[in-house]
């Protein structure tokens, strides 16, 4: 079921991205194929007449009014006065660039600063080269006689399209890689705690722990037989959760679920005990602040101890009540693998 949910989310994301990209094409957001007028400063004398002059360092100045007029609504100019002030500040200084000659003609490679205005930021991310320079192509220029070494040029940025689809695809692959890395790292932790629990079980420590927690957890898990090790594993798992031992809680929870699965009459359906364990794990009482919160707030996390304790206690009570009440409803009770009228009960459970 979880696979279908993830597949549905991916499909919805791709469809939404295609819809967004379609709007970008319809509105001509990135002005593909259109030329923007700029000023190029710092050209050496006679550069315009040279056929292959080699790379030259220049400065490119963009007029804020021309930029705003060129991109229009695509530049997010909902507040014209504010947008004009921001563009005036951004384009107050020229951008350094390298003027080179390629097989496509003269090319300006812009060295762009941080926090580019829209939609230039997206164009830069989509078209920058290996040196983090943004290539633009000269459509023509006119010598500026009032500015020695300067020309007025028309430039075209690289073609931009399917921005949102590419973002969704990149995130999908990044998260897939993160999942593999996380799984490999978790293998060692699971092996450690599973091994420790096996030692404790063989040494009889789990049986002793079961007797201690039976009066507390027994009423919450009535389907678990007396002195069954699953109860001890559940207690250890809940204790790890309460103490914010995430690395220990995960493998211990898996071990507890495996023990409950041994009692399950139908292996493809969760029992009430499984549901209760999952609910209590999700809404576990936190006696210690989570490690992530401590890393962010430091000693200030101690000030949140009482609020965290109160909120998680209420959530735990609500989870237990919800699991108990839903388990008593007819529509859920008739699907319980541990119900007395289950025909698999006489077979000792499905293989």
Protein backbone atom coordinates (compact mmCIF):
# COMPACT_ATOMS: atom_id res chain seq x y z
CA UNK A 1 0.00 0.00 0.00
CA UNK A 2 2.81 2.40 0.86
CA UNK A 3 4.32 1.86 -2.60
CA UNK A 4 1.03 2.91 -4.20
CA UNK A 5 0.91 6.03 -2.03
CA UNK A 6 4.45 7.04 -3.03
CA UNK A 7 3.70 6.30 -6.70
CA UNK A 8 0.59 8.47 -6.49
CA UNK A 9 2.52 11.34 -4.90
CA UNK A 10 5.18 11.15 -7.62
CA UNK A 11 2.56 11.16 -10.38
CA UNK A 12 0.77 14.14 -8.81
CA UNK A 13 4.09 16.01 -8.51
CA UNK A 14 5.00 15.37 -12.14
CA UNK A 15 1.54 16.40 -13.38
CA UNK A 16 1.64 19.60 -11.30
CA UNK A 17 5.17 20.36 -12.59
CA UNK A 18 4.03 19.86 -16.20
CA UNK A 19 1.09 22.19 -15.57
CA UNK A 20 3.43 24.85 -14.16
CA UNK A 21 5.85 24.46 -17.07
CA UNK A 22 2.93 24.72 -19.50
CA UNK A 23 1.98 28.05 -17.93
CA UNK A 24 5.58 29.22 -18.25
CA UNK A 25 5.57 28.40 -21.97
CA UNK A 26 2.18 30.05 -22.46
CA UNK A 27 3.26 33.24 -20.67
CA UNK A 28 6.73 33.19 -22.29
CA UNK A 29 8.18 33.61 -18.81
CA UNK A 30 11.83 33.31 -19.83
CA UNK A 31 11.59 35.19 -23.16
CA UNK A 32 13.37 32.41 -25.03
CA UNK A 33 14.79 33.68 -28.31
CA UNK A 34 14.26 37.36 -27.37
CA UNK A 35 17.15 39.83 -27.02
CA UNK A 36 17.77 42.17 -24.07
CA UNK A 37 19.69 45.42 -24.57
CA UNK A 38 22.72 45.88 -22.30
CA UNK A 39 25.84 48.06 -22.12
CA UNK A 40 29.26 46.40 -22.48
CA UNK A 41 32.12 48.40 -20.98
CA UNK A 42 35.88 47.96 -21.00
CA UNK A 43 36.45 46.81 -24.58
CA UNK A 44 39.98 47.50 -25.90
CA UNK A 45 40.26 49.92 -28.84
CA UNK A 46 39.54 48.33 -32.22
CA UNK A 47 38.06 45.17 -30.72
CA UNK A 48 34.99 45.32 -32.96
CA UNK A 49 37.08 44.96 -36.11
CA UNK A 50 39.04 41.89 -34.95
CA UNK A 51 37.83 38.51 -36.27
CA UNK A 52 39.29 36.37 -33.46
CA UNK A 53 40.44 38.68 -30.68
CA UNK A 54 40.53 36.06 -27.91
CA UNK A 55 38.87 36.33 -24.50
CA UNK A 56 38.48 39.79 -23.02
CA UNK A 57 37.36 40.77 -19.53
CA UNK A 58 34.55 43.32 -19.67
CA UNK A 59 31.75 44.73 -17.53
CA UNK A 60 28.06 44.36 -18.41
CA UNK A 61 25.57 46.97 -17.28
CA UNK A 62 21.81 46.27 -17.40
CA UNK A 63 19.32 49.11 -17.16
CA UNK A 64 16.72 48.26 -14.47
CA UNK A 65 13.89 49.79 -16.48
CA UNK A 66 14.85 47.76 -19.57
CA UNK A 67 15.02 44.59 -17.46
CA UNK A 68 11.62 45.21 -15.90
CA UNK A 69 10.05 46.04 -19.25
CA UNK A 70 11.66 42.99 -20.90
CA UNK A 71 10.43 40.38 -18.43
CA UNK A 72 7.22 42.07 -17.29
CA UNK A 73 5.03 39.85 -15.03
CA UNK A 74 7.65 37.08 -15.09
CA UNK A 75 9.81 39.21 -12.83
CA UNK A 76 7.23 39.10 -10.00
CA UNK A 77 6.63 42.85 -10.17
CA UNK A 78 3.40 42.83 -8.16
CA UNK A 79 4.56 45.98 -6.36
CA UNK A 80 6.06 48.18 -9.13
CA UNK A 81 7.60 50.75 -6.79
CA UNK A 82 9.25 48.13 -4.58
CA UNK A 83 10.37 46.08 -7.59
CA UNK A 84 11.90 49.13 -9.25
CA UNK A 85 13.80 50.02 -6.05
CA UNK A 86 15.14 46.47 -5.73
CA UNK A 87 16.21 46.35 -9.37
CA UNK A 88 17.83 49.78 -9.12
CA UNK A 89 19.87 48.54 -6.16
CA UNK A 90 20.80 45.24 -7.82
CA UNK A 91 21.82 46.69 -11.18
CA UNK A 92 23.53 49.76 -9.71
CA UNK A 93 26.87 48.08 -10.36
CA UNK A 94 27.85 46.33 -13.61
CA UNK A 95 28.42 42.58 -13.67
CA UNK A 96 31.86 41.24 -14.64
CA UNK A 97 31.92 39.06 -17.73
CA UNK A 98 34.27 37.43 -20.20
CA UNK A 99 33.77 38.11 -23.90
CA UNK A 100 34.87 35.12 -25.98
CA UNK A 101 34.51 33.97 -29.57
CA UNK A 102 33.00 30.52 -30.15
CA UNK A 103 31.68 28.63 -33.16
CA UNK A 104 28.30 30.24 -32.42
CA UNK A 105 29.77 33.74 -32.56
CA UNK A 106 30.66 36.17 -29.79
CA UNK A 107 29.54 34.99 -26.39
CA UNK A 108 29.31 36.84 -23.08
CA UNK A 109 29.96 34.66 -20.04
CA UNK A 110 28.51 36.51 -17.05
CA UNK A 111 29.87 36.19 -13.52
CA UNK A 112 26.65 36.62 -11.61
CA UNK A 113 26.31 37.63 -7.93
CA UNK A 114 24.13 35.91 -5.35
CA UNK A 115 20.38 36.48 -5.02
CA UNK A 116 19.59 37.20 -8.64
CA UNK A 117 16.20 38.78 -9.44
CA UNK A 118 13.52 36.64 -11.02
CA UNK A 119 13.51 35.15 -13.56
CA UNK A 120 17.26 35.62 -14.06
CA UNK A 121 17.91 33.33 -11.08
CA UNK A 122 16.15 30.42 -12.79
CA UNK A 123 17.86 31.13 -16.12
CA UNK A 124 21.24 31.07 -14.38
CA UNK A 125 20.55 27.74 -12.66
CA UNK A 126 19.39 26.22 -15.95
CA UNK A 127 22.11 27.49 -18.28
CA UNK A 128 25.31 28.04 -16.25
CA UNK A 129 28.38 26.16 -17.40
CA UNK A 130 31.02 24.20 -15.48
CA UNK A 131 32.68 27.42 -14.29
CA UNK A 132 29.38 28.74 -12.87
CA UNK A 133 29.36 31.38 -15.61
CA UNK A 134 26.09 32.15 -17.43
CA UNK A 135 26.52 32.19 -21.20
CA UNK A 136 24.71 34.81 -23.28
CA UNK A 137 24.91 35.29 -27.04
CA UNK A 138 25.50 38.61 -28.80
CA UNK A 139 22.92 39.37 -31.47
CA UNK A 140 24.66 42.61 -32.43
CA UNK A 141 26.13 45.77 -31.03
CA UNK A 142 26.44 49.46 -31.68
CA UNK A 143 29.50 51.48 -30.67
CA UNK A 144 28.75 53.98 -27.90
CA UNK A 145 30.74 57.06 -28.94
CA UNK A 146 29.93 58.78 -25.66
CA UNK A 147 31.55 55.94 -23.70
CA UNK A 148 35.04 55.04 -24.97
CA UNK A 149 35.45 51.27 -24.99
CA UNK A 150 31.71 50.75 -24.60
CA UNK A 151 29.03 49.33 -26.85
CA UNK A 152 25.28 48.85 -26.71
CA UNK A 153 24.60 45.17 -27.36
CA UNK A 154 21.59 42.89 -27.70
CA UNK A 155 22.06 39.58 -25.86
CA UNK A 156 20.09 36.37 -25.71
CA UNK A 157 20.16 34.04 -22.74
CA UNK A 158 20.16 30.28 -23.12
CA UNK A 159 16.89 28.47 -23.78
CA UNK A 160 15.02 27.54 -20.59
CA UNK A 161 12.23 24.99 -20.39
CA UNK A 162 10.65 22.27 -18.21
CA UNK A 163 12.17 23.85 -15.10
CA UNK A 164 9.67 22.34 -12.66
CA UNK A 165 9.82 18.85 -14.17
CA UNK A 166 13.60 18.86 -13.92
CA UNK A 167 13.39 19.98 -10.29
CA UNK A 168 10.97 17.17 -9.44
CA UNK A 169 13.16 14.63 -11.22
CA UNK A 170 16.28 15.86 -9.44
CA UNK A 171 14.59 15.63 -6.03
CA UNK A 172 13.36 12.11 -6.81
CA UNK A 173 16.84 10.87 -7.63
CA UNK A 174 18.42 12.73 -4.69
CA UNK A 175 15.97 11.23 -2.22
CA UNK A 176 16.41 7.77 -3.73
CA UNK A 177 20.16 8.08 -3.12
CA UNK A 178 19.54 9.34 0.42
CA UNK A 179 17.28 6.36 1.08
CA UNK A 180 20.00 3.92 0.02
CA UNK A 181 22.61 5.74 2.14
CA UNK A 182 20.27 5.76 5.14
CA UNK A 183 19.45 2.07 4.73
CA UNK A 184 23.11 1.08 4.57
CA UNK A 185 23.91 3.17 7.65
CA UNK A 186 20.95 1.71 9.51
CA UNK A 187 22.05 -1.87 8.86
CA UNK A 188 24.89 -1.63 11.36
CA UNK A 189 22.67 -0.09 14.04
CA UNK A 190 19.99 -2.72 13.56
CA UNK A 191 22.53 -5.54 13.65
CA UNK A 192 24.00 -4.21 16.92
CA UNK A 193 20.71 -3.86 18.78
CA UNK A 194 19.21 -7.04 17.35
CA UNK A 195 22.30 -8.90 18.57
CA UNK A 196 22.06 -7.37 22.03
CA UNK A 197 18.37 -8.26 22.27
CA UNK A 198 19.10 -11.83 21.19
CA UNK A 199 21.73 -12.12 23.92
CA UNK A 200 19.30 -10.68 26.48
CA UNK A 201 16.58 -13.08 25.34
CA UNK A 202 18.84 -16.15 25.54
CA UNK A 203 20.11 -15.04 28.94
CA UNK A 204 16.57 -14.82 30.31
CA UNK A 205 16.68 -11.07 30.90
CA UNK A 206 13.71 -10.45 28.62
CA UNK A 207 11.59 -12.96 30.58
CA UNK A 208 12.40 -11.16 33.81
CA UNK A 209 11.53 -7.83 32.22
CA UNK A 210 8.20 -9.23 30.99
CA UNK A 211 7.15 -10.04 34.55
CA UNK A 212 7.97 -6.49 35.63
CA UNK A 213 5.99 -4.73 32.89
CA UNK A 214 3.08 -7.17 32.64
CA UNK A 215 0.85 -5.27 35.14
CA UNK A 216 1.30 -2.04 33.13
CA UNK A 217 1.31 -3.21 29.51
CA UNK A 218 -0.88 -6.31 29.91
CA UNK A 219 -4.21 -4.40 29.73
CA UNK A 220 -3.02 -2.53 26.63
CA UNK A 221 -1.98 -5.73 24.84
CA UNK A 222 -4.49 -8.37 25.99
CA UNK A 223 -3.87 -10.56 22.92
CA UNK A 224 -0.26 -11.27 23.93
CA UNK A 225 0.02 -14.50 25.98
CA UNK A 226 1.34 -14.33 29.51
CA UNK A 227 5.15 -14.34 29.75
CA UNK A 228 5.55 -13.98 25.97
CA UNK A 229 8.83 -12.16 25.11
CA UNK A 230 6.95 -9.72 22.83
CA UNK A 231 5.83 -7.79 25.88
CA UNK A 232 9.41 -7.25 27.04
CA UNK A 233 10.48 -6.15 23.56
CA UNK A 234 7.60 -3.67 23.45
CA UNK A 235 8.61 -2.25 26.82
CA UNK A 236 12.24 -1.82 25.74
CA UNK A 237 11.16 -0.18 22.49
CA UNK A 238 8.87 2.28 24.29
CA UNK A 239 11.59 3.06 26.83
CA UNK A 240 14.05 3.86 24.01
CA UNK A 241 11.47 6.17 22.46
CA UNK A 242 10.83 7.97 25.74
CA UNK A 243 14.56 8.51 26.24
CA UNK A 244 14.93 9.87 22.66
CA UNK A 245 17.22 6.99 21.65
CA UNK A 246 16.16 6.99 18.02
CA UNK A 247 18.94 4.69 16.81
CA UNK A 248 17.92 2.09 19.39
CA UNK A 249 14.14 2.55 19.14
CA UNK A 250 13.94 1.69 15.44
CA UNK A 251 15.58 -1.77 15.55
CA UNK A 252 13.88 -2.58 18.87
CA UNK A 253 10.52 -1.65 17.35
CA UNK A 254 11.24 -3.91 14.38
CA UNK A 255 12.13 -6.75 16.74
CA UNK A 256 8.92 -6.20 18.72
CA UNK A 257 6.86 -6.25 15.52
CA UNK A 258 8.55 -9.48 14.43
CA UNK A 259 7.62 -11.03 17.76
CA UNK A 260 4.00 -9.91 17.37
CA UNK A 261 3.96 -11.27 13.83
CA UNK A 262 4.75 -14.73 15.23
CA UNK A 263 1.41 -14.57 17.07
CA UNK A 264 -0.47 -13.25 14.06
CA UNK A 265 -3.09 -15.56 12.53
CA UNK A 266 -3.12 -13.72 9.19
CA UNK A 267 0.32 -12.53 8.14
CA UNK A 268 -0.98 -9.89 5.74
CA UNK A 269 -3.21 -8.13 8.29
CA UNK A 270 -2.10 -6.17 11.36
CA UNK A 271 -3.40 -7.29 14.75
CA UNK A 272 -4.77 -4.96 17.41
CA UNK A 273 -1.49 -5.34 19.30
CA UNK A 274 0.48 -4.22 16.23
CA UNK A 275 -1.79 -1.21 15.79
CA UNK A 276 -1.45 -0.30 19.46
CA UNK A 277 2.35 -0.56 19.32
CA UNK A 278 2.50 1.63 16.22
CA UNK A 279 0.17 4.21 17.79
CA UNK A 280 2.21 4.33 21.00
CA UNK A 281 5.46 4.67 19.04
CA UNK A 282 4.04 7.52 17.01
CA UNK A 283 2.78 9.41 20.06
CA UNK A 284 5.40 8.33 22.57
CA UNK A 285 5.99 10.32 25.76
CA UNK A 286 9.29 12.22 25.55
CA UNK A 287 11.13 12.28 28.87
CA UNK A 288 14.17 13.85 27.18
CA UNK A 289 14.16 16.44 24.36
CA UNK A 290 14.97 15.00 20.93
CA UNK A 291 18.62 15.13 19.89
CA UNK A 292 17.78 17.34 16.91
CA UNK A 293 16.14 19.92 19.17
CA UNK A 294 19.15 19.93 21.50
CA UNK A 295 21.49 20.41 18.52
CA UNK A 296 19.47 23.45 17.40
CA UNK A 297 18.67 25.11 20.73
CA UNK A 298 21.47 23.84 22.96
CA UNK A 299 20.79 24.34 26.68
CA UNK A 300 17.65 26.32 25.84
CA UNK A 301 15.99 22.99 24.94
CA UNK A 302 15.69 22.29 28.69
CA UNK A 303 13.14 25.11 28.92
CA UNK A 304 10.83 23.07 26.71
CA UNK A 305 10.93 19.95 28.91
CA UNK A 306 7.55 20.48 30.62
CA UNK A 307 5.67 21.53 27.42
CA UNK A 308 7.12 18.54 25.53
CA UNK A 309 6.24 16.17 28.37
CA UNK A 310 2.68 17.50 28.62
CA UNK A 311 2.01 17.47 24.88
CA UNK A 312 3.45 13.99 24.30
CA UNK A 313 1.58 12.61 27.33
CA UNK A 314 -1.71 13.93 25.94
CA UNK A 315 -0.89 12.56 22.49
CA UNK A 316 -0.06 9.14 23.96
CA UNK A 317 -3.36 8.99 25.85
CA UNK A 318 -5.24 10.06 22.72
CA UNK A 319 -3.46 7.40 20.64
CA UNK A 320 -4.27 4.64 23.15
CA UNK A 321 -7.93 5.68 23.38
CA UNK A 322 -8.25 5.89 19.59
CA UNK A 323 -6.67 2.46 19.08
CA UNK A 324 -8.94 0.90 21.72
CA UNK A 325 -12.14 2.53 20.45
CA UNK A 326 -11.47 1.73 16.79
CA UNK A 327 -10.60 -1.85 17.73
CA UNK A 328 -14.08 -2.21 19.27
CA UNK A 329 -15.88 -1.02 16.14
CA UNK A 330 -17.56 -3.81 14.20
CA UNK A 331 -15.97 -2.95 10.84
CA UNK A 332 -12.48 -3.26 12.34
CA UNK A 333 -13.24 -6.05 14.82
CA UNK A 334 -14.32 -8.44 12.06
CA UNK A 335 -10.93 -8.05 10.32
CA UNK A 336 -8.88 -8.67 13.46
CA UNK A 337 -6.66 -11.74 12.81
CA UNK A 338 -6.83 -12.62 16.52
CA UNK A 339 -10.65 -12.74 16.71
CA UNK A 340 -12.02 -16.00 18.20
CA UNK A 341 -13.98 -16.95 15.07
CA UNK A 342 -10.94 -16.69 12.79
CA UNK A 343 -10.58 -20.07 11.02
CA UNK A 344 -6.80 -19.65 10.96
CA UNK A 345 -6.76 -19.72 14.73
CA UNK A 346 -7.11 -23.49 14.60
CA UNK A 347 -4.19 -23.77 12.22
CA UNK A 348 -1.70 -21.96 14.34
CA UNK A 349 -1.46 -19.03 11.97
CA UNK A 350 -0.75 -18.72 8.26
CA UNK A 351 2.71 -19.53 7.00
